[in-house]
PDB file of N, CA and C in Angstrom:
ATOM      1  N   MET A   1     104.032  98.073 107.090  1.00  0.00           N
ATOM      2  CA  MET A   1     103.171  98.513 108.164  1.00  0.00           C
ATOM      3  C   MET A   1     103.829  99.691 108.861  1.00  0.00           C
ATOM      4  N   ARG A   2     103.013 100.562 109.407  1.00  0.00           N
ATOM      5  CA  ARG A   2     103.566 101.746 110.029  1.00  0.00           C
ATOM      6  C   ARG A   2     102.708 102.135 111.225  1.00  0.00           C
ATOM      7  N   LYS A   3     103.340 102.426 112.359  1.00  0.00           N
ATOM      8  CA  LYS A   3     102.607 102.903 113.523  1.00  0.00           C
ATOM      9  C   LYS A   3     102.166 104.329 113.245  1.00  0.00           C
ATOM     10  N   ILE A   4     100.907 104.642 113.575  1.00  0.00           N
ATOM     11  CA  ILE A   4     100.473 106.017 113.374  1.00  0.00           C
ATOM     12  C   ILE A   4     100.005 106.675 114.662  1.00  0.00           C
ATOM     13  N   LEU A   5      99.859 105.920 115.706  1.00  0.00           N
ATOM     14  CA  LEU A   5      99.506 106.478 117.005  1.00  0.00           C
ATOM     15  C   LEU A   5     100.376 105.817 118.065  1.00  0.00           C
ATOM     16  N   ASN A   6     100.478 106.432 119.219  1.00  0.00           N
ATOM     17  CA  ASN A   6     101.254 105.854 120.309  1.00  0.00           C
ATOM     18  C   ASN A   6     100.615 104.565 120.804  1.00  0.00           C
ATOM     19  N   LEU A   7     101.415 103.738 121.442  1.00  0.00           N
ATOM     20  CA  LEU A   7     100.899 102.494 122.021  1.00  0.00           C
ATOM     21  C   LEU A   7      99.800 102.792 123.031  1.00  0.00           C
ATOM     22  N   THR A   8      98.801 101.944 123.062  1.00  0.00           N
ATOM     23  CA  THR A   8      97.772 102.056 124.081  1.00  0.00           C
ATOM     24  C   THR A   8      98.229 101.272 125.304  1.00  0.00           C
ATOM     25  N   ASN A   9      97.444 101.291 126.359  1.00  0.00           N
ATOM     26  CA  ASN A   9      97.810 100.600 127.600  1.00  0.00           C
ATOM     27  C   ASN A   9      98.035  99.109 127.401  1.00  0.00           C
ATOM     28  N   ASP A  10      97.269  98.488 126.497  1.00  0.00           N
ATOM     29  CA  ASP A  10      97.406  97.040 126.309  1.00  0.00           C
ATOM     30  C   ASP A  10      98.411  96.681 125.214  1.00  0.00           C
ATOM     31  N   GLY A  11      99.147  97.659 124.668  1.00  0.00           N
ATOM     32  CA  GLY A  11     100.157  97.382 123.666  1.00  0.00           C
ATOM     33  C   GLY A  11      99.627  97.237 122.258  1.00  0.00           C
ATOM     34  N   ILE A  12      98.333  97.399 122.061  1.00  0.00           N
ATOM     35  CA  ILE A  12      97.736  97.303 120.733  1.00  0.00           C
ATOM     36  C   ILE A  12      97.600  98.713 120.175  1.00  0.00           C
ATOM     37  N   PHE A  13      98.002  98.878 118.921  1.00  0.00           N
ATOM     38  CA  PHE A  13      97.937 100.191 118.298  1.00  0.00           C
ATOM     39  C   PHE A  13      97.404 100.043 116.875  1.00  0.00           C
ATOM     40  N   PRO A  14      96.858 101.119 116.309  1.00  0.00           N
ATOM     41  CA  PRO A  14      96.373 101.041 114.929  1.00  0.00           C
ATOM     42  C   PRO A  14      97.534 101.010 113.946  1.00  0.00           C
ATOM     43  N   VAL A  15      97.363 100.253 112.887  1.00  0.00           N
ATOM     44  CA  VAL A  15      98.367 100.125 111.831  1.00  0.00           C
ATOM     45  C   VAL A  15      97.692 100.511 110.512  1.00  0.00           C
ATOM     46  N   ARG A  16      98.351 101.376 109.754  1.00  0.00           N
ATOM     47  CA  ARG A  16      97.834 101.776 108.440  1.00  0.00           C
ATOM     48  C   ARG A  16      98.411 100.831 107.390  1.00  0.00           C
ATOM     49  N   LEU A  17      97.516 100.181 106.638  1.00  0.00           N
ATOM     50  CA  LEU A  17      97.928  99.299 105.556  1.00  0.00           C
ATOM     51  C   LEU A  17      97.519  99.910 104.225  1.00  0.00           C
ATOM     52  N   HIS A  18      98.403  99.815 103.259  1.00  0.00           N
ATOM     53  CA  HIS A  18      98.101 100.250 101.902  1.00  0.00           C
ATOM     54  C   HIS A  18      97.855  99.000 101.079  1.00  0.00           C
ATOM     55  N   LEU A  19      96.637  98.842 100.570  1.00  0.00           N
ATOM     56  CA  LEU A  19      96.267  97.677  99.772  1.00  0.00           C
ATOM     57  C   LEU A  19      96.220  98.071  98.307  1.00  0.00           C
ATOM     58  N   GLU A  20      96.729  97.211  97.453  1.00  0.00           N
ATOM     59  CA  GLU A  20      96.665  97.468  96.018  1.00  0.00           C
ATOM     60  C   GLU A  20      96.314  96.184  95.294  1.00  0.00           C
ATOM     61  N   LEU A  21      95.232  96.229  94.521  1.00  0.00           N
ATOM     62  CA  LEU A  21      94.847  95.125  93.651  1.00  0.00           C
ATOM     63  C   LEU A  21      95.396  95.461  92.283  1.00  0.00           C
ATOM     64  N   LYS A  22      96.201  94.569  91.751  1.00  0.00           N
ATOM     65  CA  LYS A  22      96.868  94.866  90.495  1.00  0.00           C
ATOM     66  C   LYS A  22      96.723  93.698  89.530  1.00  0.00           C
ATOM     67  N   ASP A  23      96.496  94.030  88.262  1.00  0.00           N
ATOM     68  CA  ASP A  23      96.415  93.015  87.219  1.00  0.00           C
ATOM     69  C   ASP A  23      97.150  93.547  85.998  1.00  0.00           C
ATOM     70  N   ASP A  24      98.218  92.888  85.606  1.00  0.00           N
ATOM     71  CA  ASP A  24      99.022  93.331  84.475  1.00  0.00           C
ATOM     72  C   ASP A  24      98.445  92.874  83.136  1.00  0.00           C
ATOM     73  N   TYR A  25      97.369  92.110  83.147  1.00  0.00           N
ATOM     74  CA  TYR A  25      96.850  91.532  81.913  1.00  0.00           C
ATOM     75  C   TYR A  25      95.439  92.005  81.576  1.00  0.00           C
ATOM     76  N   LEU A  26      95.091  93.207  81.993  1.00  0.00           N
ATOM     77  CA  LEU A  26      93.768  93.734  81.695  1.00  0.00           C
ATOM     78  C   LEU A  26      93.696  94.230  80.261  1.00  0.00           C
ATOM     79  N   SER A  27      92.515  94.093  79.667  1.00  0.00           N
ATOM     80  CA  SER A  27      92.304  94.634  78.321  1.00  0.00           C
ATOM     81  C   SER A  27      92.186  96.157  78.417  1.00  0.00           C
ATOM     82  N   ASP A  28      92.269  96.820  77.280  1.00  0.00           N
ATOM     83  CA  ASP A  28      92.107  98.281  77.268  1.00  0.00           C
ATOM     84  C   ASP A  28      90.737  98.684  77.804  1.00  0.00           C
ATOM     85  N   TYR A  29      89.712  97.906  77.471  1.00  0.00           N
ATOM     86  CA  TYR A  29      88.364  98.189  77.955  1.00  0.00           C
ATOM     87  C   TYR A  29      88.310  98.087  79.486  1.00  0.00           C
ATOM     88  N   GLN A  30      88.902  97.030  80.038  1.00  0.00           N
ATOM     89  CA  GLN A  30      88.902  96.852  81.491  1.00  0.00           C
ATOM     90  C   GLN A  30      89.667  97.982  82.183  1.00  0.00           C
ATOM     91  N   LYS A  31      90.772  98.425  81.586  1.00  0.00           N
ATOM     92  CA  LYS A  31      91.522  99.547  82.154  1.00  0.00           C
ATOM     93  C   LYS A  31      90.690 100.825  82.153  1.00  0.00           C
ATOM     94  N   ARG A  32      89.955 101.068  81.068  1.00  0.00           N
ATOM     95  CA  ARG A  32      89.086 102.253  81.015  1.00  0.00           C
ATOM     96  C   ARG A  32      88.016 102.180  82.102  1.00  0.00           C
ATOM     97  N   MET A  33      87.465 100.993  82.326  1.00  0.00           N
ATOM     98  CA  MET A  33      86.424 100.848  83.352  1.00  0.00           C
ATOM     99  C   MET A  33      87.002 101.082  84.752  1.00  0.00           C
ATOM    100  N   LEU A  34      88.223 100.597  84.991  1.00  0.00           N
ATOM    101  CA  LEU A  34      88.862 100.847  86.288  1.00  0.00           C
ATOM    102  C   LEU A  34      89.101 102.334  86.498  1.00  0.00           C
ATOM    103  N   LYS A  35      89.523 103.020  85.463  1.00  0.00           N
ATOM    104  CA  LYS A  35      89.739 104.468  85.582  1.00  0.00           C
ATOM    105  C   LYS A  35      88.422 105.183  85.844  1.00  0.00           C
ATOM    106  N   ARG A  36      87.387 104.768  85.157  1.00  0.00           N
ATOM    107  CA  ARG A  36      86.102 105.457  85.268  1.00  0.00           C
ATOM    108  C   ARG A  36      85.383 105.146  86.575  1.00  0.00           C
ATOM    109  N   TYR A  37      85.309 103.872  86.949  1.00  0.00           N
ATOM    110  CA  TYR A  37      84.491 103.474  88.105  1.00  0.00           C
ATOM    111  C   TYR A  37      85.300 103.043  89.320  1.00  0.00           C
ATOM    112  N   GLY A  38      86.550 102.702  89.134  1.00  0.00           N
ATOM    113  CA  GLY A  38      87.365 102.226  90.244  1.00  0.00           C
ATOM    114  C   GLY A  38      88.290 103.274  90.821  1.00  0.00           C
ATOM    115  N   GLU A  39      88.137 104.514  90.355  1.00  0.00           N
ATOM    116  CA  GLU A  39      88.980 105.620  90.828  1.00  0.00           C
ATOM    117  C   GLU A  39      90.458 105.266  90.724  1.00  0.00           C
ATOM    118  N   SER A  40      90.829 104.627  89.623  1.00  0.00           N
ATOM    119  CA  SER A  40      92.210 104.232  89.387  1.00  0.00           C
ATOM    120  C   SER A  40      92.852 105.229  88.429  1.00  0.00           C
ATOM    121  N   SER A  41      93.987 105.776  88.813  1.00  0.00           N
ATOM    122  CA  SER A  41      94.656 106.743  87.940  1.00  0.00           C
ATOM    123  C   SER A  41      95.348 106.053  86.768  1.00  0.00           C
ATOM    124  N   THR A  42      95.786 104.806  86.949  1.00  0.00           N
ATOM    125  CA  THR A  42      96.521 104.090  85.897  1.00  0.00           C
ATOM    126  C   THR A  42      95.640 103.123  85.120  1.00  0.00           C
ATOM    127  N   GLY A  43      94.562 102.674  85.714  1.00  0.00           N
ATOM    128  CA  GLY A  43      93.722 101.666  85.079  1.00  0.00           C
ATOM    129  C   GLY A  43      94.243 100.260  85.247  1.00  0.00           C
ATOM    130  N   THR A  44      95.317 100.090  86.015  1.00  0.00           N
ATOM    131  CA  THR A  44      95.862  98.739  86.216  1.00  0.00           C
ATOM    132  C   THR A  44      95.707  98.259  87.651  1.00  0.00           C
ATOM    133  N   SER A  45      95.266  99.133  88.557  1.00  0.00           N
ATOM    134  CA  SER A  45      95.141  98.714  89.955  1.00  0.00           C
ATOM    135  C   SER A  45      94.105  99.563  90.679  1.00  0.00           C
ATOM    136  N   ILE A  46      93.648  99.036  91.791  1.00  0.00           N
ATOM    137  CA  ILE A  46      92.777  99.766  92.714  1.00  0.00           C
ATOM    138  C   ILE A  46      93.493  99.795  94.051  1.00  0.00           C
ATOM    139  N   MET A  47      93.619 100.973  94.635  1.00  0.00           N
ATOM    140  CA  MET A  47      94.337 101.114  95.899  1.00  0.00           C
ATOM    141  C   MET A  47      93.403 101.624  96.989  1.00  0.00           C
ATOM    142  N   MET A  48      93.706 101.214  98.221  1.00  0.00           N
ATOM    143  CA  MET A  48      92.916 101.622  99.371  1.00  0.00           C
ATOM    144  C   MET A  48      93.814 101.570 100.609  1.00  0.00           C
ATOM    145  N   ASP A  49      93.657 102.522 101.522  1.00  0.00           N
ATOM    146  CA  ASP A  49      94.368 102.522 102.799  1.00  0.00           C
ATOM    147  C   ASP A  49      93.366 102.194 103.890  1.00  0.00           C
ATOM    148  N   ILE A  50      93.743 101.294 104.799  1.00  0.00           N
ATOM    149  CA  ILE A  50      92.854 100.896 105.886  1.00  0.00           C
ATOM    150  C   ILE A  50      93.627 100.930 107.203  1.00  0.00           C
ATOM    151  N   LEU A  51      92.897 101.019 108.300  1.00  0.00           N
ATOM    152  CA  LEU A  51      93.472 100.912 109.643  1.00  0.00           C
ATOM    153  C   LEU A  51      93.028  99.593 110.246  1.00  0.00           C
ATOM    154  N   ILE A  52      93.985  98.863 110.811  1.00  0.00           N
ATOM    155  CA  ILE A  52      93.669  97.602 111.486  1.00  0.00           C
ATOM    156  C   ILE A  52      94.381  97.613 112.836  1.00  0.00           C
ATOM    157  N   PRO A  53      93.931  96.794 113.800  1.00  0.00           N
ATOM    158  CA  PRO A  53      94.651  96.695 115.065  1.00  0.00           C
ATOM    159  C   PRO A  53      95.959  95.934 114.872  1.00  0.00           C
ATOM    160  N   SER A  54      96.975  96.304 115.617  1.00  0.00           N
ATOM    161  CA  SER A  54      98.302  95.702 115.465  1.00  0.00           C
ATOM    162  C   SER A  54      98.335  94.214 115.804  1.00  0.00           C
ATOM    163  N   ASP A  55      97.365  93.729 116.527  1.00  0.00           N
ATOM    164  CA  ASP A  55      97.368  92.313 116.897  1.00  0.00           C
ATOM    165  C   ASP A  55      96.486  91.448 115.981  1.00  0.00           C
ATOM    166  N   MET A  56      96.047  91.983 114.843  1.00  0.00           N
ATOM    167  CA  MET A  56      95.183  91.227 113.942  1.00  0.00           C
ATOM    168  C   MET A  56      95.981  90.133 113.226  1.00  0.00           C
ATOM    169  N   PRO A  57      95.592  88.864 113.364  1.00  0.00           N
ATOM    170  CA  PRO A  57      96.281  87.778 112.649  1.00  0.00           C
ATOM    171  C   PRO A  57      96.036  87.887 111.142  1.00  0.00           C
ATOM    172  N   LEU A  58      96.964  87.344 110.339  1.00  0.00           N
ATOM    173  CA  LEU A  58      96.807  87.386 108.887  1.00  0.00           C
ATOM    174  C   LEU A  58      95.526  86.713 108.426  1.00  0.00           C
ATOM    175  N   HIS A  59      95.109  85.666 109.112  1.00  0.00           N
ATOM    176  CA  HIS A  59      93.860  84.984 108.768  1.00  0.00           C
ATOM    177  C   HIS A  59      92.681  85.954 108.850  1.00  0.00           C
ATOM    178  N   ASN A  60      92.625  86.748 109.915  1.00  0.00           N
ATOM    179  CA  ASN A  60      91.547  87.727 110.069  1.00  0.00           C
ATOM    180  C   ASN A  60      91.671  88.852 109.042  1.00  0.00           C
ATOM    181  N   LEU A  61      92.919  89.255 108.761  1.00  0.00           N
ATOM    182  CA  LEU A  61      93.134  90.282 107.746  1.00  0.00           C
ATOM    183  C   LEU A  61      92.611  89.795 106.399  1.00  0.00           C
ATOM    184  N   HIS A  62      92.834  88.540 106.093  1.00  0.00           N
ATOM    185  CA  HIS A  62      92.324  87.960 104.848  1.00  0.00           C
ATOM    186  C   HIS A  62      90.812  88.160 104.748  1.00  0.00           C
ATOM    187  N   TYR A  63      90.082  87.871 105.800  1.00  0.00           N
ATOM    188  CA  TYR A  63      88.628  88.024 105.760  1.00  0.00           C
ATOM    189  C   TYR A  63      88.204  89.485 105.746  1.00  0.00           C
ATOM    190  N   ALA A  64      88.964  90.358 106.380  1.00  0.00           N
ATOM    191  CA  ALA A  64      88.666  91.797 106.312  1.00  0.00           C
ATOM    192  C   ALA A  64      88.798  92.289 104.870  1.00  0.00           C
ATOM    193  N   ILE A  65      89.862  91.850 104.187  1.00  0.00           N
ATOM    194  CA  ILE A  65      90.058  92.238 102.788  1.00  0.00           C
ATOM    195  C   ILE A  65      88.938  91.677 101.918  1.00  0.00           C
ATOM    196  N   GLN A  66      88.505  90.451 102.215  1.00  0.00           N
ATOM    197  CA  GLN A  66      87.382  89.858 101.482  1.00  0.00           C
ATOM    198  C   GLN A  66      86.160  90.776 101.539  1.00  0.00           C
ATOM    199  N   LYS A  67      85.844  91.237 102.728  1.00  0.00           N
ATOM    200  CA  LYS A  67      84.673  92.100 102.915  1.00  0.00           C
ATOM    201  C   LYS A  67      84.861  93.449 102.237  1.00  0.00           C
ATOM    202  N   LEU A  68      86.055  94.029 102.359  1.00  0.00           N
ATOM    203  CA  LEU A  68      86.316  95.339 101.758  1.00  0.00           C
ATOM    204  C   LEU A  68      86.087  95.345 100.256  1.00  0.00           C
ATOM    205  N   TYR A  69      86.486  94.277  99.584  1.00  0.00           N
ATOM    206  CA  TYR A  69      86.367  94.224  98.131  1.00  0.00           C
ATOM    207  C   TYR A  69      85.129  93.460  97.656  1.00  0.00           C
ATOM    208  N   GLY A  70      84.298  92.997  98.585  1.00  0.00           N
ATOM    209  CA  GLY A  70      83.063  92.321  98.207  1.00  0.00           C
ATOM    210  C   GLY A  70      83.263  90.924  97.652  1.00  0.00           C
ATOM    211  N   TRP A  71      84.310  90.255  98.087  1.00  0.00           N
ATOM    212  CA  TRP A  71      84.605  88.909  97.595  1.00  0.00           C
ATOM    213  C   TRP A  71      84.015  87.862  98.530  1.00  0.00           C
ATOM    214  N   ASN A  72      83.900  86.645  98.000  1.00  0.00           N
ATOM    215  CA  ASN A  72      83.370  85.520  98.779  1.00  0.00           C
ATOM    216  C   ASN A  72      84.379  84.383  98.835  1.00  0.00           C
ATOM    217  N   ASN A  73      85.603  84.688  99.265  1.00  0.00           N
ATOM    218  CA  ASN A  73      86.657  83.685  99.413  1.00  0.00           C
ATOM    219  C   ASN A  73      86.909  82.938  98.101  1.00  0.00           C
ATOM    220  N   SER A  74      86.923  83.684  96.996  1.00  0.00           N
ATOM    221  CA  SER A  74      87.063  83.051  95.688  1.00  0.00           C
ATOM    222  C   SER A  74      88.240  83.625  94.890  1.00  0.00           C
ATOM    223  N   HIS A  75      89.337  83.914  95.558  1.00  0.00           N
ATOM    224  CA  HIS A  75      90.508  84.455  94.872  1.00  0.00           C
ATOM    225  C   HIS A  75      91.780  83.945  95.540  1.00  0.00           C
ATOM    226  N   PHE A  76      92.882  84.096  94.829  1.00  0.00           N
ATOM    227  CA  PHE A  76      94.189  83.793  95.408  1.00  0.00           C
ATOM    228  C   PHE A  76      94.662  85.003  96.181  1.00  0.00           C
ATOM    229  N   ARG A  77      95.481  84.805  97.190  1.00  0.00           N
ATOM    230  CA  ARG A  77      95.989  85.930  97.954  1.00  0.00           C
ATOM    231  C   ARG A  77      97.482  85.792  98.140  1.00  0.00           C
ATOM    232  N   ARG A  78      98.113  86.925  98.319  1.00  0.00           N
ATOM    233  CA  ARG A  78      99.541  86.955  98.606  1.00  0.00           C
ATOM    234  C   ARG A  78      99.796  88.210  99.422  1.00  0.00           C
ATOM    235  N   PHE A  79     100.489  88.061 100.541  1.00  0.00           N
ATOM    236  CA  PHE A  79     100.852  89.189 101.380  1.00  0.00           C
ATOM    237  C   PHE A  79     102.312  89.519 101.121  1.00  0.00           C
ATOM    238  N   ASN A  80     102.583  90.758 100.748  1.00  0.00           N
ATOM    239  CA  ASN A  80     103.950  91.220 100.528  1.00  0.00           C
ATOM    240  C   ASN A  80     104.307  92.232 101.603  1.00  0.00           C
ATOM    241  N   PHE A  81     105.458  92.047 102.228  1.00  0.00           N
ATOM    242  CA  PHE A  81     105.923  92.952 103.263  1.00  0.00           C
ATOM    243  C   PHE A  81     107.273  93.522 102.863  1.00  0.00           C
ATOM    244  N   ALA A  82     107.481  94.777 103.190  1.00  0.00           N
ATOM    245  CA  ALA A  82     108.810  95.362 103.007  1.00  0.00           C
ATOM    246  C   ALA A  82     109.763  94.679 103.990  1.00  0.00           C
ATOM    247  N   GLY A  83     111.059  94.685 103.694  1.00  0.00           N
ATOM    248  CA  GLY A  83     112.047  93.994 104.535  1.00  0.00           C
ATOM    249  C   GLY A  83     111.968  94.379 105.994  1.00  0.00           C
ATOM    250  N   ARG A  84     111.840  95.661 106.296  1.00  0.00           N
ATOM    251  CA  ARG A  84     111.793  96.075 107.698  1.00  0.00           C
ATOM    252  C   ARG A  84     110.519  95.612 108.384  1.00  0.00           C
ATOM    253  N   CYS A  85     109.438  95.424 107.642  1.00  0.00           N
ATOM    254  CA  CYS A  85     108.198  94.936 108.231  1.00  0.00           C
ATOM    255  C   CYS A  85     108.280  93.465 108.574  1.00  0.00           C
ATOM    256  N   ILE A  86     109.006  92.708 107.763  1.00  0.00           N
ATOM    257  CA  ILE A  86     109.146  91.282 108.038  1.00  0.00           C
ATOM    258  C   ILE A  86     109.837  91.083 109.374  1.00  0.00           C
ATOM    259  N   GLN A  87     110.839  91.864 109.657  1.00  0.00           N
ATOM    260  CA  GLN A  87     111.504  91.771 110.957  1.00  0.00           C
ATOM    261  C   GLN A  87     110.526  92.095 112.068  1.00  0.00           C
ATOM    262  N   TYR A  88     109.693  93.105 111.880  1.00  0.00           N
ATOM    263  CA  TYR A  88     108.715  93.497 112.892  1.00  0.00           C
ATOM    264  C   TYR A  88     107.712  92.367 113.126  1.00  0.00           C
ATOM    265  N   VAL A  89     107.227  91.738 112.054  1.00  0.00           N
ATOM    266  CA  VAL A  89     106.247  90.659 112.182  1.00  0.00           C
ATOM    267  C   VAL A  89     106.841  89.468 112.888  1.00  0.00           C
ATOM    268  N   ASP A  90     108.105  89.159 112.607  1.00  0.00           N
ATOM    269  CA  ASP A  90     108.752  87.992 113.206  1.00  0.00           C
ATOM    270  C   ASP A  90     109.055  88.170 114.689  1.00  0.00           C
ATOM    271  N   GLU A  91     109.138  89.392 115.168  1.00  0.00           N
ATOM    272  CA  GLU A  91     109.521  89.610 116.569  1.00  0.00           C
ATOM    273  C   GLU A  91     108.454  89.212 117.532  1.00  0.00           C
TER     274      GLU A  91
END
């Protein structure tokens, strides 16, 4: 996570998140379709950058991601944070 604007009066600020959907087991056909229709340069992932409020709970982020990708709560999820972000989240 990264701050991109100064803190507002209430301490909430926008955070830019980089999301990547990745599948290492796609067929060649599926990779071609991702390149053609998913704007994927590699054919193995779809990436998107979003802005969220700094006080958004992970539960709410989960549902925001659901809506962004058109899902209906029918997938597994995993949140990965860089080491310095984990310290920030824990504070």
